[in-house]
Amino acid sequence: MKKILTALGLSLTLITPVSAESIKASHPVVKDYSIAAMGCMILLDCYEGIEKVLPDKDFGERFVLFKDEVKRILTALDKLGIEVYLGNERYFTRSTAGLYKPELNRLFINKSLLDDPREFLGTLRHEGWHVVQDCMGGGIETSFMAQVHQDKEIPDWLRDRVTRTYSIAGMSKAIPWEVDANWAEEQSNVTGEKLEMCAKGPLWEQITPTPMTKEWLIGCGWMKPQDGLYPYYPDKKKVYCTPGKY
C-alpha cells in the first residue's frame, strides 16, 4: 500500500449495517476515511462509489501523456486475474492513495487521483509492483510478497526517505516491501514489464531473486537449489507455503 499503510494485511472491524432510506438496505454504514471504511471497500461490502476498471477504460484528455503506460499495466493486471477498482476517497484513510490486497488479488486506487494523472500513474505503478512482489513470493495464488529489486539497485536517498516515513508511522516491518515499491513508482514502464513477465511463468525463473527471497522459495519447494550452492532443506516456513491463499 502506498504511503502509510501496506498490503501486508489489515485487521479490520466493520460497523454493523443499518437500515436507512438514503442507502440500500445491504450497504453498510461506516465512518468516512477510516480503517473500517477501507475494509468495507476491500471486501466489496461497500459498493457505492466503487468502480471496476478494465484495460480499455477511457480516462480522458488529461491522461493523454500517460494513457499508454496506464493501459499496459491494466492489461497485464487483467491477464493475471487481478481486479482493479477506483474507490471514492471516503473509503481510504487520509494518508492512503492506493492499496493491494494479496489474499483477494484486488487492487484499489483513490478516485481523487483522477485529478492528477501523474500521481495516478505513480500509484498504479506502486500498487502494481506489490502484485509483482506477490508473483515473486510464490505466485499470486499465495499471499506472500517478496522484495524484487536487489538492495544495490535502490538509491540510498529513497531508502532513507521511506525508512523515516514508515518508522515514524510505527510500521518498520513494511519497509523492505515499500522501499521496493517506491523505487518502482519512479520507473517508466518497469511495473508493466514485470507484470507481463509474471503472466509468462514463475518470476523467480526470469529474474534473480534476492538472497532472502531465494531462501524462502527454496524452503517452500518452489525453487530448486542451483549448482549445489543452496542445499534443499525445507525449513519451518513450509507450513505457510501450501498452495492457495492463507
Protein backbone atom coordinates (compact mmCIF):
# COMPACT_ATOMS: atom_id res chain seq x y z
CA MET A 1 0.00 0.00 0.00
CA LYS A 2 1.28 3.37 -0.89
CA LYS A 3 2.26 5.87 1.78
CA ILE A 4 1.40 4.85 5.35
CA LEU A 5 -0.49 1.58 5.02
CA THR A 6 0.88 -1.61 3.50
CA ALA A 7 -0.61 -4.54 1.71
CA LEU A 8 0.77 -6.95 4.31
CA GLY A 9 -2.71 -7.09 5.80
CA LEU A 10 -5.17 -5.19 7.95
CA SER A 11 -7.18 -6.21 10.97
CA LEU A 12 -10.47 -4.66 10.02
CA THR A 13 -13.64 -4.35 12.03
CA LEU A 14 -16.71 -3.29 10.09
CA ILE A 15 -19.60 -1.38 11.59
CA THR A 16 -22.84 -3.37 11.61
CA PRO A 17 -25.08 -2.45 8.66
CA VAL A 18 -28.20 -0.44 9.48
CA SER A 19 -31.30 0.44 7.51
CA ALA A 20 -31.74 3.94 6.13
CA GLU A 21 -33.83 5.44 3.38
CA SER A 22 -30.78 7.14 1.87
CA ILE A 23 -28.89 3.89 1.25
CA LYS A 24 -29.66 0.39 0.11
CA ALA A 25 -30.50 -1.98 2.94
CA SER A 26 -27.50 -4.18 2.17
CA HIS A 27 -24.95 -1.35 2.20
CA PRO A 28 -23.03 -0.98 5.48
CA VAL A 29 -22.67 2.35 7.21
CA VAL A 30 -19.04 3.10 8.01
CA LYS A 31 -17.16 6.15 9.15
CA ASP A 32 -15.60 8.04 6.26
CA TYR A 33 -11.78 7.98 5.90
CA SER A 34 -11.47 5.15 8.40
CA ILE A 35 -9.89 1.69 8.55
CA ALA A 36 -13.42 0.29 8.75
CA ALA A 37 -14.38 2.08 5.52
CA MET A 38 -11.28 0.76 3.80
CA GLY A 39 -12.03 -2.79 4.95
CA CYS A 40 -15.62 -2.48 3.75
CA MET A 41 -14.33 -1.43 0.33
CA ILE A 42 -11.72 -4.21 0.18
CA LEU A 43 -14.39 -6.83 0.84
CA LEU A 44 -16.72 -5.09 -1.66
CA ASP A 45 -19.39 -4.93 1.01
CA CYS A 46 -19.33 -1.21 0.35
CA TYR A 47 -20.09 -0.76 -3.33
CA GLU A 48 -21.44 2.78 -3.69
CA GLY A 49 -18.77 4.90 -5.35
CA ILE A 50 -16.72 1.82 -6.29
CA GLU A 51 -15.93 1.33 -9.98
CA LYS A 52 -14.24 -1.70 -11.53
CA VAL A 53 -11.58 -0.60 -14.01
CA LEU A 54 -10.99 -2.51 -17.25
CA PRO A 55 -7.97 -2.09 -19.54
CA ASP A 56 -9.96 -0.22 -22.20
CA LYS A 57 -11.19 2.48 -19.83
CA ASP A 58 -11.04 5.97 -21.33
CA PHE A 59 -9.51 8.31 -18.75
CA GLY A 60 -9.98 11.40 -20.91
CA GLU A 61 -7.72 14.03 -22.41
CA ARG A 62 -5.91 14.79 -19.16
CA PHE A 63 -4.29 11.34 -19.36
CA VAL A 64 -3.02 11.70 -22.92
CA LEU A 65 0.65 11.65 -21.84
CA PHE A 66 0.18 8.65 -19.57
CA LYS A 67 -2.52 6.57 -21.22
CA ASP A 68 -0.19 4.05 -22.91
CA GLU A 69 1.57 3.02 -19.71
CA VAL A 70 -1.68 3.04 -17.72
CA LYS A 71 -3.25 0.73 -20.28
CA ARG A 72 -0.18 -1.53 -20.31
CA ILE A 73 -0.33 -2.00 -16.56
CA LEU A 74 -4.11 -2.51 -16.50
CA THR A 75 -3.89 -5.03 -19.34
CA ALA A 76 -1.17 -7.01 -17.56
CA LEU A 77 -3.14 -6.99 -14.30
CA ASP A 78 -6.24 -8.17 -16.14
CA LYS A 79 -4.32 -11.10 -17.67
CA LEU A 80 -3.20 -12.10 -14.19
CA GLY A 81 -6.76 -12.02 -12.92
CA ILE A 82 -6.15 -9.04 -10.62
CA GLU A 83 -9.28 -6.96 -10.10
CA VAL A 84 -8.69 -3.20 -10.20
CA TYR A 85 -11.09 -0.71 -8.65
CA LEU A 86 -11.43 3.03 -8.29
CA GLY A 87 -12.84 3.89 -4.89
CA ASN A 88 -14.41 7.07 -3.56
CA GLU A 89 -11.87 8.87 -1.39
CA ARG A 90 -14.08 8.43 1.69
CA TYR A 91 -13.20 4.73 1.69
CA PHE A 92 -9.48 5.49 2.15
CA THR A 93 -7.71 6.82 5.19
CA ARG A 94 -6.36 10.34 4.74
CA SER A 95 -2.84 9.03 4.15
CA THR A 96 -3.72 6.30 1.64
CA ALA A 97 -3.64 6.70 -2.13
CA GLY A 98 -3.95 3.05 -3.08
CA LEU A 99 -3.62 -0.50 -1.83
CA TYR A 100 -3.27 -4.09 -2.99
CA LYS A 101 -4.79 -6.97 -1.03
CA PRO A 102 -2.88 -10.15 -1.95
CA GLU A 103 -5.31 -12.51 -0.21
CA LEU A 104 -8.06 -11.36 -2.57
CA ASN A 105 -6.00 -10.25 -5.60
CA ARG A 106 -7.73 -6.88 -5.53
CA LEU A 107 -6.12 -3.51 -6.17
CA PHE A 108 -7.73 -0.20 -5.24
CA ILE A 109 -6.85 3.37 -6.19
CA ASN A 110 -8.27 6.51 -4.64
CA LYS A 111 -10.61 8.05 -7.20
CA SER A 112 -9.46 11.55 -6.25
CA LEU A 113 -6.19 10.83 -8.11
CA LEU A 114 -8.06 11.15 -11.40
CA ASP A 115 -7.48 14.88 -10.93
CA ASP A 116 -3.71 14.30 -11.04
CA PRO A 117 -2.78 11.87 -13.85
CA ARG A 118 0.90 11.83 -12.91
CA GLU A 119 0.11 10.84 -9.32
CA PHE A 120 -2.44 8.31 -10.55
CA LEU A 121 0.18 6.62 -12.73
CA GLY A 122 2.71 6.64 -9.90
CA THR A 123 0.20 4.99 -7.57
CA LEU A 124 -0.74 2.42 -10.22
CA ARG A 125 2.96 1.60 -10.66
CA HIS A 126 3.40 1.34 -6.90
CA GLU A 127 0.41 -0.91 -6.22
CA GLY A 128 1.10 -2.88 -9.38
CA TRP A 129 4.58 -3.52 -8.01
CA HIS A 130 3.04 -5.09 -4.92
CA VAL A 131 1.43 -7.55 -7.37
CA VAL A 132 4.90 -8.18 -8.82
CA GLN A 133 6.09 -8.87 -5.27
CA ASP A 134 3.17 -11.29 -4.88
CA CYS A 135 4.32 -13.06 -8.05
CA MET A 136 7.88 -13.29 -6.77
CA GLY A 137 6.77 -14.66 -3.41
CA GLY A 138 5.49 -17.93 -4.83
CA GLY A 139 2.90 -16.71 -7.31
CA ILE A 140 -0.34 -14.79 -6.93
CA GLU A 141 -2.01 -17.98 -5.68
CA THR A 142 -0.29 -17.26 -2.36
CA SER A 143 -0.31 -14.05 -0.35
CA PHE A 144 3.39 -13.87 0.50
CA MET A 145 5.09 -10.87 -1.12
CA ALA A 146 8.83 -10.78 -1.75
CA GLN A 147 11.19 -7.91 -2.44
CA VAL A 148 12.14 -7.87 -6.13
CA HIS A 149 14.83 -5.22 -6.53
CA GLN A 150 18.29 -6.09 -5.29
CA ASP A 151 19.38 -3.74 -2.49
CA LYS A 152 22.11 -2.22 -4.66
CA GLU A 153 19.52 -1.14 -7.24
CA ILE A 154 17.72 1.19 -4.83
CA PRO A 155 19.22 4.66 -4.20
CA ASP A 156 20.17 5.49 -0.63
CA TRP A 157 18.13 8.71 -0.66
CA LEU A 158 14.93 6.81 -1.38
CA ARG A 159 15.66 4.08 1.14
CA ASP A 160 16.32 6.72 3.80
CA ARG A 161 13.12 8.60 2.99
CA VAL A 162 10.89 5.53 3.09
CA THR A 163 12.60 4.24 6.23
CA ARG A 164 11.91 7.52 8.05
CA THR A 165 8.29 7.63 6.92
CA TYR A 166 7.41 4.10 7.95
CA SER A 167 9.44 4.19 11.15
CA ILE A 168 7.60 7.29 12.30
CA ALA A 169 4.32 5.55 11.48
CA GLY A 170 5.34 2.54 13.57
CA MET A 171 5.41 0.26 10.54
CA SER A 172 9.08 -0.65 10.30
CA LYS A 173 8.28 -4.21 9.22
CA ALA A 174 6.85 -2.90 5.94
CA ILE A 175 10.00 -1.01 4.95
CA PRO A 176 11.62 -3.61 2.60
CA TRP A 177 8.43 -4.00 0.54
CA GLU A 178 7.68 -0.29 0.47
CA VAL A 179 11.22 0.74 -0.46
CA ASP A 180 10.96 -1.73 -3.33
CA ALA A 181 7.58 -0.38 -4.47
CA ASN A 182 8.57 3.27 -4.07
CA TRP A 183 11.53 2.71 -6.38
CA ALA A 184 9.28 1.02 -8.96
CA GLU A 185 6.99 4.03 -8.74
CA GLU A 186 9.79 6.17 -10.16
CA GLN A 187 10.49 3.88 -13.14
CA SER A 188 8.78 4.29 -16.50
CA ASN A 189 7.17 1.07 -17.82
CA VAL A 190 9.01 -1.20 -15.38
CA THR A 191 5.88 -2.26 -13.49
CA GLY A 192 4.07 -3.14 -16.71
CA GLU A 193 7.06 -5.10 -17.99
CA LYS A 194 7.42 -7.18 -14.82
CA LEU A 195 3.66 -7.85 -14.64
CA GLU A 196 3.83 -9.20 -18.19
CA MET A 197 6.67 -11.45 -17.10
CA CYS A 198 4.51 -12.69 -14.20
CA ALA A 199 1.92 -13.86 -16.71
CA LYS A 200 4.53 -15.90 -18.61
CA GLY A 201 5.60 -18.09 -15.70
CA PRO A 202 7.41 -18.12 -12.35
CA LEU A 203 9.03 -14.74 -11.92
CA TRP A 204 11.96 -16.19 -9.98
CA GLU A 205 12.93 -18.13 -13.11
CA GLN A 206 13.15 -14.88 -15.10
CA ILE A 207 14.64 -12.52 -12.51
CA THR A 208 17.35 -13.40 -10.00
CA PRO A 209 15.69 -13.33 -6.56
CA THR A 210 17.25 -11.51 -3.63
CA PRO A 211 19.16 -13.83 -1.25
CA MET A 212 16.33 -13.85 1.33
CA THR A 213 13.68 -14.45 -1.34
CA LYS A 214 15.76 -17.30 -2.77
CA GLU A 215 15.96 -18.84 0.69
CA TRP A 216 12.19 -18.59 1.04
CA LEU A 217 11.46 -20.06 -2.39
CA ILE A 218 13.83 -22.97 -1.83
CA GLY A 219 12.46 -23.57 1.65
CA CYS A 220 8.94 -23.68 0.24
CA GLY A 221 9.94 -26.03 -2.56
CA TRP A 222 9.01 -23.62 -5.35
CA MET A 223 12.61 -23.09 -6.39
CA LYS A 224 15.12 -25.92 -6.57
CA PRO A 225 18.75 -25.48 -5.48
CA GLN A 226 21.04 -24.44 -8.33
CA ASP A 227 24.60 -25.62 -8.89
CA GLY A 228 24.70 -27.18 -5.45
CA LEU A 229 25.03 -23.76 -3.83
CA TYR A 230 21.79 -23.98 -1.88
CA PRO A 231 21.15 -27.31 -0.09
CA TYR A 232 17.45 -28.17 -0.19
CA TYR A 233 16.31 -28.40 3.41
CA PRO A 234 12.67 -27.22 3.66
CA ASP A 235 12.51 -25.13 6.81
CA LYS A 236 9.77 -24.11 9.19
CA LYS A 237 8.29 -21.82 6.53
CA LYS A 238 6.98 -24.90 4.78
CA VAL A 239 3.75 -24.79 6.77
CA TYR A 240 2.98 -21.40 5.20
CA CYS A 241 3.77 -22.45 1.66
CA THR A 242 0.81 -24.63 0.73
CA PRO A 243 -0.93 -23.57 -2.49
CA GLY A 244 -3.84 -21.23 -2.08
CA LYS A 245 -4.47 -18.11 -0.06
CA TYR A 246 -3.69 -18.12 3.63
